[in-house]
């Protein structure tokens, strides 16, 4: 997303505020501070075996859609400019839409996804 422009010899990217996922002040994605109605989730490990005991190859593993909430944004603004808190909090295990969000790899090799709270379908715990 965004428009690339050159200004004073430097390249810049102009974005809409809604296209910005969060603020990252370190080199590790687990430290991401989501903005507005965004949520950072640590993705659950993909199953290695089927229920019947068959081992799965990397290519046949289904993309997980369950994970643990690591961080939540402050919530969207309402018509009066006040924040509406999100219904999830860090530590919740959630089920989210399979094709939503932006995928990241943490420095420890873990998979993370940042998505909008509306892409969370259920809180499991």
N, C-alpha and C. Protein backbone atom coordinates (compact mmCIF):
# COMPACT_ATOMS: atom_id res chain seq x y z
N UNK A 1 0.84 -1.18 0.00
CA UNK A 1 0.00 0.00 0.00
C UNK A 1 0.88 1.23 0.00
N UNK A 2 0.32 2.32 -0.42
CA UNK A 2 1.02 3.58 -0.36
C UNK A 2 1.55 4.06 -1.69
N UNK A 3 2.10 5.26 -1.66
CA UNK A 3 2.67 5.89 -2.84
C UNK A 3 4.11 6.27 -2.55
N UNK A 4 5.02 5.83 -3.43
CA UNK A 4 6.43 6.15 -3.26
C UNK A 4 6.71 7.51 -3.88
N UNK A 5 7.44 8.35 -3.13
CA UNK A 5 7.84 9.66 -3.63
C UNK A 5 9.30 9.91 -3.27
N UNK A 6 9.96 10.74 -4.07
CA UNK A 6 11.32 11.16 -3.75
C UNK A 6 11.26 12.61 -3.31
N UNK A 7 11.90 12.91 -2.17
CA UNK A 7 11.89 14.26 -1.62
C UNK A 7 13.27 14.56 -1.07
N UNK A 8 13.88 15.64 -1.52
CA UNK A 8 15.23 16.03 -1.09
C UNK A 8 16.23 14.90 -1.22
N UNK A 9 16.13 14.12 -2.29
CA UNK A 9 17.09 13.05 -2.54
C UNK A 9 16.84 11.77 -1.76
N UNK A 10 15.77 11.72 -0.98
CA UNK A 10 15.44 10.51 -0.21
C UNK A 10 14.11 9.94 -0.68
N UNK A 11 14.00 8.62 -0.66
CA UNK A 11 12.75 7.96 -1.01
C UNK A 11 11.85 7.87 0.22
N UNK A 12 10.58 8.14 0.01
CA UNK A 12 9.58 8.10 1.09
C UNK A 12 8.36 7.33 0.61
N UNK A 13 7.56 6.88 1.56
CA UNK A 13 6.33 6.17 1.26
C UNK A 13 5.19 6.88 1.99
N UNK A 14 4.19 7.32 1.24
CA UNK A 14 3.03 7.98 1.83
C UNK A 14 1.94 6.92 2.00
N UNK A 15 1.45 6.78 3.24
CA UNK A 15 0.45 5.77 3.58
C UNK A 15 -0.77 6.40 4.22
N UNK A 16 -1.90 5.71 4.11
CA UNK A 16 -3.06 6.08 4.91
C UNK A 16 -2.82 5.52 6.31
N UNK A 17 -3.32 6.21 7.32
CA UNK A 17 -3.11 5.76 8.70
C UNK A 17 -3.61 4.33 8.90
N UNK A 18 -4.69 3.96 8.25
CA UNK A 18 -5.27 2.63 8.42
C UNK A 18 -4.37 1.53 7.86
N UNK A 19 -3.41 1.88 6.99
CA UNK A 19 -2.49 0.89 6.41
C UNK A 19 -1.30 0.60 7.32
N UNK A 20 -1.14 1.37 8.38
CA UNK A 20 -0.02 1.17 9.31
C UNK A 20 -0.45 0.16 10.37
N UNK A 21 0.28 -0.95 10.46
CA UNK A 21 -0.07 -2.04 11.37
C UNK A 21 0.27 -1.70 12.81
N UNK A 22 1.45 -1.16 13.05
CA UNK A 22 1.86 -0.88 14.42
C UNK A 22 3.22 -0.21 14.47
N UNK A 23 3.72 -0.05 15.68
CA UNK A 23 5.02 0.58 15.91
C UNK A 23 5.98 -0.48 16.43
N UNK A 24 7.14 -0.56 15.80
CA UNK A 24 8.15 -1.54 16.19
C UNK A 24 9.43 -0.79 16.55
N UNK A 25 9.79 -0.81 17.83
CA UNK A 25 10.96 -0.08 18.30
C UNK A 25 12.18 -0.96 18.48
N UNK A 26 12.03 -2.29 18.29
CA UNK A 26 13.15 -3.23 18.39
C UNK A 26 13.22 -4.03 17.10
N UNK A 27 14.11 -5.01 17.04
CA UNK A 27 14.23 -5.86 15.85
C UNK A 27 13.35 -7.09 15.93
N UNK A 28 12.56 -7.25 16.99
CA UNK A 28 11.77 -8.46 17.18
C UNK A 28 10.28 -8.15 17.06
N UNK A 29 9.60 -8.86 16.17
CA UNK A 29 8.19 -8.60 15.90
C UNK A 29 7.32 -8.82 17.13
N UNK A 30 7.75 -9.65 18.09
CA UNK A 30 6.92 -9.87 19.29
C UNK A 30 6.79 -8.60 20.12
N UNK A 31 7.62 -7.58 19.84
CA UNK A 31 7.54 -6.31 20.55
C UNK A 31 6.68 -5.28 19.82
N UNK A 32 6.02 -5.70 18.74
CA UNK A 32 5.18 -4.79 17.96
C UNK A 32 4.05 -4.24 18.82
N UNK A 33 3.83 -2.93 18.74
CA UNK A 33 2.71 -2.29 19.43
C UNK A 33 1.64 -1.98 18.38
N UNK A 34 0.58 -2.81 18.33
CA UNK A 34 -0.45 -2.60 17.31
C UNK A 34 -1.14 -1.24 17.47
N UNK A 35 -1.59 -0.69 16.35
CA UNK A 35 -2.32 0.57 16.37
C UNK A 35 -3.81 0.33 16.20
N UNK A 36 -4.60 1.24 16.73
CA UNK A 36 -6.06 1.27 16.58
C UNK A 36 -6.70 -0.08 16.91
N UNK A 37 -7.35 -0.71 15.92
CA UNK A 37 -8.07 -1.96 16.18
C UNK A 37 -7.28 -3.18 15.73
N UNK A 38 -5.96 -3.08 15.73
CA UNK A 38 -5.11 -4.20 15.32
C UNK A 38 -4.73 -5.06 16.52
N UNK A 39 -4.45 -6.33 16.23
CA UNK A 39 -4.09 -7.31 17.25
C UNK A 39 -2.89 -8.10 16.74
N UNK A 40 -1.90 -8.34 17.60
CA UNK A 40 -0.76 -9.19 17.26
C UNK A 40 -0.97 -10.55 17.90
N UNK A 41 -0.89 -11.61 17.08
CA UNK A 41 -1.15 -12.97 17.52
C UNK A 41 0.05 -13.85 17.23
N UNK A 42 0.44 -14.68 18.22
CA UNK A 42 1.45 -15.71 17.98
C UNK A 42 0.71 -16.92 17.46
N UNK A 43 1.04 -17.33 16.24
CA UNK A 43 0.33 -18.40 15.55
C UNK A 43 0.67 -19.75 16.19
N UNK A 44 -0.36 -20.57 16.39
CA UNK A 44 -0.16 -21.92 16.93
C UNK A 44 0.61 -22.76 15.91
N UNK A 45 1.38 -23.72 16.40
CA UNK A 45 2.14 -24.61 15.52
C UNK A 45 1.19 -25.44 14.67
N UNK A 46 1.55 -25.65 13.41
CA UNK A 46 0.75 -26.50 12.52
C UNK A 46 0.88 -27.95 12.97
N UNK A 47 -0.19 -28.70 12.81
CA UNK A 47 -0.19 -30.11 13.20
C UNK A 47 0.81 -30.89 12.36
N UNK A 48 1.57 -31.77 13.02
CA UNK A 48 2.55 -32.61 12.34
C UNK A 48 1.92 -33.92 11.84
N UNK A 49 0.79 -34.32 12.49
CA UNK A 49 0.14 -35.59 12.16
C UNK A 49 -1.36 -35.37 12.02
N UNK A 50 -2.00 -36.23 11.25
CA UNK A 50 -3.45 -36.23 11.18
C UNK A 50 -3.99 -36.95 12.41
N UNK A 51 -5.30 -36.87 12.61
CA UNK A 51 -5.93 -37.56 13.74
C UNK A 51 -5.71 -39.07 13.65
N UNK A 52 -5.56 -39.58 12.43
CA UNK A 52 -5.34 -41.01 12.23
C UNK A 52 -3.89 -41.43 12.35
N UNK A 53 -2.97 -40.46 12.58
CA UNK A 53 -1.57 -40.79 12.81
C UNK A 53 -0.67 -40.64 11.59
N UNK A 54 -1.19 -40.15 10.47
CA UNK A 54 -0.36 -39.96 9.29
C UNK A 54 0.50 -38.70 9.45
N UNK A 55 1.79 -38.80 9.11
CA UNK A 55 2.67 -37.65 9.17
C UNK A 55 2.40 -36.74 7.98
N UNK A 56 2.42 -35.44 8.21
CA UNK A 56 2.16 -34.46 7.16
C UNK A 56 3.46 -33.84 6.68
N UNK A 57 3.57 -33.60 5.38
CA UNK A 57 4.72 -32.88 4.82
C UNK A 57 4.48 -31.39 5.01
N UNK A 58 5.52 -30.58 4.86
CA UNK A 58 5.38 -29.12 4.99
C UNK A 58 4.32 -28.59 4.04
N UNK A 59 4.31 -29.10 2.80
CA UNK A 59 3.38 -28.60 1.79
C UNK A 59 1.93 -28.94 2.12
N UNK A 60 1.68 -30.03 2.82
CA UNK A 60 0.31 -30.44 3.09
C UNK A 60 -0.23 -29.92 4.42
N UNK A 61 0.63 -29.31 5.24
CA UNK A 61 0.14 -28.76 6.50
C UNK A 61 -0.77 -27.58 6.23
N UNK A 62 -1.91 -27.57 6.88
CA UNK A 62 -2.86 -26.49 6.71
C UNK A 62 -2.41 -25.28 7.53
N UNK A 63 -2.57 -24.10 6.95
CA UNK A 63 -2.22 -22.87 7.66
C UNK A 63 -3.09 -22.78 8.91
N UNK A 64 -2.46 -22.66 10.10
CA UNK A 64 -3.26 -22.59 11.33
C UNK A 64 -4.08 -21.30 11.37
N UNK A 65 -5.20 -21.35 12.04
CA UNK A 65 -6.00 -20.14 12.23
C UNK A 65 -6.35 -19.97 13.70
N UNK A 66 -5.49 -20.51 14.56
CA UNK A 66 -5.62 -20.37 16.01
C UNK A 66 -4.31 -19.84 16.53
N UNK A 67 -4.38 -18.96 17.50
CA UNK A 67 -3.17 -18.42 18.09
C UNK A 67 -3.45 -17.73 19.41
N UNK A 68 -2.38 -17.23 20.01
CA UNK A 68 -2.46 -16.55 21.29
C UNK A 68 -2.21 -15.06 21.10
N UNK A 69 -3.08 -14.24 21.63
CA UNK A 69 -2.95 -12.79 21.52
C UNK A 69 -1.73 -12.34 22.33
N UNK A 70 -0.84 -11.61 21.66
CA UNK A 70 0.37 -11.10 22.30
C UNK A 70 0.18 -9.64 22.71
N UNK A 71 -0.44 -8.85 21.83
CA UNK A 71 -0.63 -7.42 22.10
C UNK A 71 -1.87 -6.93 21.36
N UNK A 72 -2.53 -5.93 21.92
CA UNK A 72 -3.70 -5.34 21.27
C UNK A 72 -3.51 -3.83 21.18
N UNK A 73 -4.10 -3.26 20.15
CA UNK A 73 -4.09 -1.81 20.00
C UNK A 73 -5.06 -1.16 20.97
N UNK A 74 -5.05 0.17 21.03
CA UNK A 74 -5.92 0.88 21.97
C UNK A 74 -7.39 0.87 21.57
N UNK A 75 -7.72 0.42 20.38
CA UNK A 75 -9.10 0.38 19.90
C UNK A 75 -9.38 1.50 18.93
N UNK A 76 -10.43 1.34 18.14
CA UNK A 76 -10.78 2.37 17.15
C UNK A 76 -11.41 3.58 17.83
N UNK A 77 -11.41 4.69 17.11
CA UNK A 77 -12.07 5.90 17.61
C UNK A 77 -13.54 5.87 17.23
N UNK A 78 -14.41 6.30 18.16
CA UNK A 78 -15.84 6.40 17.83
C UNK A 78 -16.12 7.79 17.25
N UNK A 79 -17.39 8.09 17.01
CA UNK A 79 -17.76 9.37 16.40
C UNK A 79 -17.36 10.57 17.25
N UNK A 80 -17.26 10.37 18.57
CA UNK A 80 -16.90 11.46 19.48
C UNK A 80 -15.40 11.57 19.72
N UNK A 81 -14.61 10.74 19.03
CA UNK A 81 -13.17 10.77 19.19
C UNK A 81 -12.67 10.01 20.40
N UNK A 82 -13.52 9.18 21.00
CA UNK A 82 -13.13 8.38 22.16
C UNK A 82 -12.79 6.97 21.70
N UNK A 83 -11.86 6.33 22.38
CA UNK A 83 -11.45 4.96 22.04
C UNK A 83 -12.49 3.95 22.51
N UNK A 84 -12.78 2.99 21.64
CA UNK A 84 -13.65 1.87 22.00
C UNK A 84 -12.72 0.69 22.25
N UNK A 85 -12.66 0.18 23.49
CA UNK A 85 -11.73 -0.91 23.79
C UNK A 85 -12.07 -2.18 23.02
N UNK A 86 -11.04 -2.97 22.73
CA UNK A 86 -11.23 -4.23 22.01
C UNK A 86 -11.72 -5.31 22.97
N UNK A 87 -12.39 -6.32 22.43
CA UNK A 87 -12.96 -7.39 23.25
C UNK A 87 -11.98 -8.53 23.52
N UNK A 88 -10.74 -8.41 23.04
CA UNK A 88 -9.71 -9.42 23.31
C UNK A 88 -8.59 -8.78 24.10
N UNK A 89 -7.83 -9.62 24.80
CA UNK A 89 -6.70 -9.10 25.57
C UNK A 89 -5.54 -10.08 25.47
N UNK A 90 -4.32 -9.62 25.77
CA UNK A 90 -3.16 -10.51 25.71
C UNK A 90 -3.39 -11.77 26.55
N UNK A 91 -3.00 -12.90 25.98
CA UNK A 91 -3.18 -14.18 26.65
C UNK A 91 -4.37 -14.98 26.15
N UNK A 92 -5.34 -14.29 25.51
CA UNK A 92 -6.50 -15.00 24.94
C UNK A 92 -6.05 -15.90 23.80
N UNK A 93 -6.64 -17.10 23.73
CA UNK A 93 -6.47 -17.96 22.57
C UNK A 93 -7.65 -17.68 21.66
N UNK A 94 -7.36 -17.38 20.39
CA UNK A 94 -8.41 -16.95 19.47
C UNK A 94 -8.40 -17.75 18.17
N UNK A 95 -9.56 -17.77 17.53
CA UNK A 95 -9.74 -18.34 16.21
C UNK A 95 -9.92 -17.15 15.28
N UNK A 96 -9.11 -17.07 14.21
CA UNK A 96 -9.19 -15.92 13.32
C UNK A 96 -9.36 -16.37 11.88
N UNK A 97 -9.78 -15.45 11.04
CA UNK A 97 -9.99 -15.72 9.63
C UNK A 97 -8.68 -16.16 8.98
N UNK A 98 -8.72 -17.25 8.26
CA UNK A 98 -7.54 -17.91 7.73
C UNK A 98 -6.69 -17.03 6.80
N UNK A 99 -7.31 -16.16 6.04
CA UNK A 99 -6.57 -15.38 5.04
C UNK A 99 -6.44 -13.91 5.42
N UNK A 100 -6.63 -13.57 6.68
CA UNK A 100 -6.57 -12.18 7.12
C UNK A 100 -5.16 -11.81 7.57
N UNK A 101 -4.90 -10.53 7.64
CA UNK A 101 -3.72 -10.00 8.30
C UNK A 101 -2.41 -10.07 7.54
N UNK A 102 -1.37 -9.68 8.27
CA UNK A 102 0.00 -9.64 7.76
C UNK A 102 0.84 -10.61 8.57
N UNK A 103 1.54 -11.52 7.88
CA UNK A 103 2.36 -12.53 8.53
C UNK A 103 3.77 -12.02 8.78
N UNK A 104 4.33 -12.39 9.94
CA UNK A 104 5.70 -12.02 10.32
C UNK A 104 6.39 -13.22 10.93
N UNK A 105 7.70 -13.25 10.85
CA UNK A 105 8.51 -14.29 11.49
C UNK A 105 9.30 -13.62 12.60
N UNK A 106 9.17 -14.16 13.83
CA UNK A 106 9.88 -13.61 14.98
C UNK A 106 11.34 -14.01 14.97
N UNK A 107 12.15 -13.34 15.76
CA UNK A 107 13.58 -13.65 15.82
C UNK A 107 13.84 -15.04 16.39
N UNK A 108 12.85 -15.59 17.13
CA UNK A 108 12.99 -16.94 17.68
C UNK A 108 12.44 -18.01 16.72
N UNK A 109 12.02 -17.60 15.51
CA UNK A 109 11.50 -18.54 14.53
C UNK A 109 9.99 -18.73 14.61
N UNK A 110 9.34 -18.14 15.61
CA UNK A 110 7.89 -18.27 15.75
C UNK A 110 7.18 -17.43 14.69
N UNK A 111 5.98 -17.88 14.32
CA UNK A 111 5.17 -17.14 13.36
C UNK A 111 4.19 -16.25 14.10
N UNK A 112 4.03 -15.02 13.59
CA UNK A 112 3.10 -14.06 14.14
C UNK A 112 2.22 -13.53 13.03
N UNK A 113 1.05 -13.04 13.41
CA UNK A 113 0.16 -12.39 12.45
C UNK A 113 -0.43 -11.16 13.12
N UNK A 114 -0.48 -10.06 12.37
CA UNK A 114 -1.13 -8.84 12.85
C UNK A 114 -2.37 -8.66 12.00
N UNK A 115 -3.51 -8.53 12.65
CA UNK A 115 -4.77 -8.40 11.92
C UNK A 115 -5.72 -7.49 12.67
N UNK A 116 -6.81 -7.12 11.99
CA UNK A 116 -7.82 -6.29 12.63
C UNK A 116 -8.65 -7.15 13.58
N UNK A 117 -9.09 -6.57 14.66
CA UNK A 117 -9.89 -7.30 15.65
C UNK A 117 -11.15 -7.89 15.02
N UNK A 118 -11.67 -7.27 13.98
CA UNK A 118 -12.88 -7.79 13.33
C UNK A 118 -12.61 -9.10 12.58
N UNK A 119 -11.33 -9.44 12.35
CA UNK A 119 -10.98 -10.72 11.70
C UNK A 119 -10.91 -11.86 12.71
N UNK A 120 -11.06 -11.56 14.00
CA UNK A 120 -11.12 -12.61 15.03
C UNK A 120 -12.55 -13.10 15.11
N UNK A 121 -12.71 -14.42 14.90
CA UNK A 121 -14.05 -14.99 14.88
C UNK A 121 -14.54 -15.46 16.23
N UNK A 122 -13.59 -15.88 17.12
CA UNK A 122 -14.01 -16.38 18.43
C UNK A 122 -12.84 -16.32 19.40
N UNK A 123 -13.16 -16.09 20.66
CA UNK A 123 -12.18 -16.21 21.74
C UNK A 123 -12.39 -17.59 22.33
N UNK A 124 -11.32 -18.42 22.31
CA UNK A 124 -11.42 -19.79 22.76
C UNK A 124 -11.10 -19.94 24.25
N UNK A 125 -10.30 -19.04 24.80
CA UNK A 125 -10.01 -19.09 26.24
C UNK A 125 -9.60 -17.71 26.73
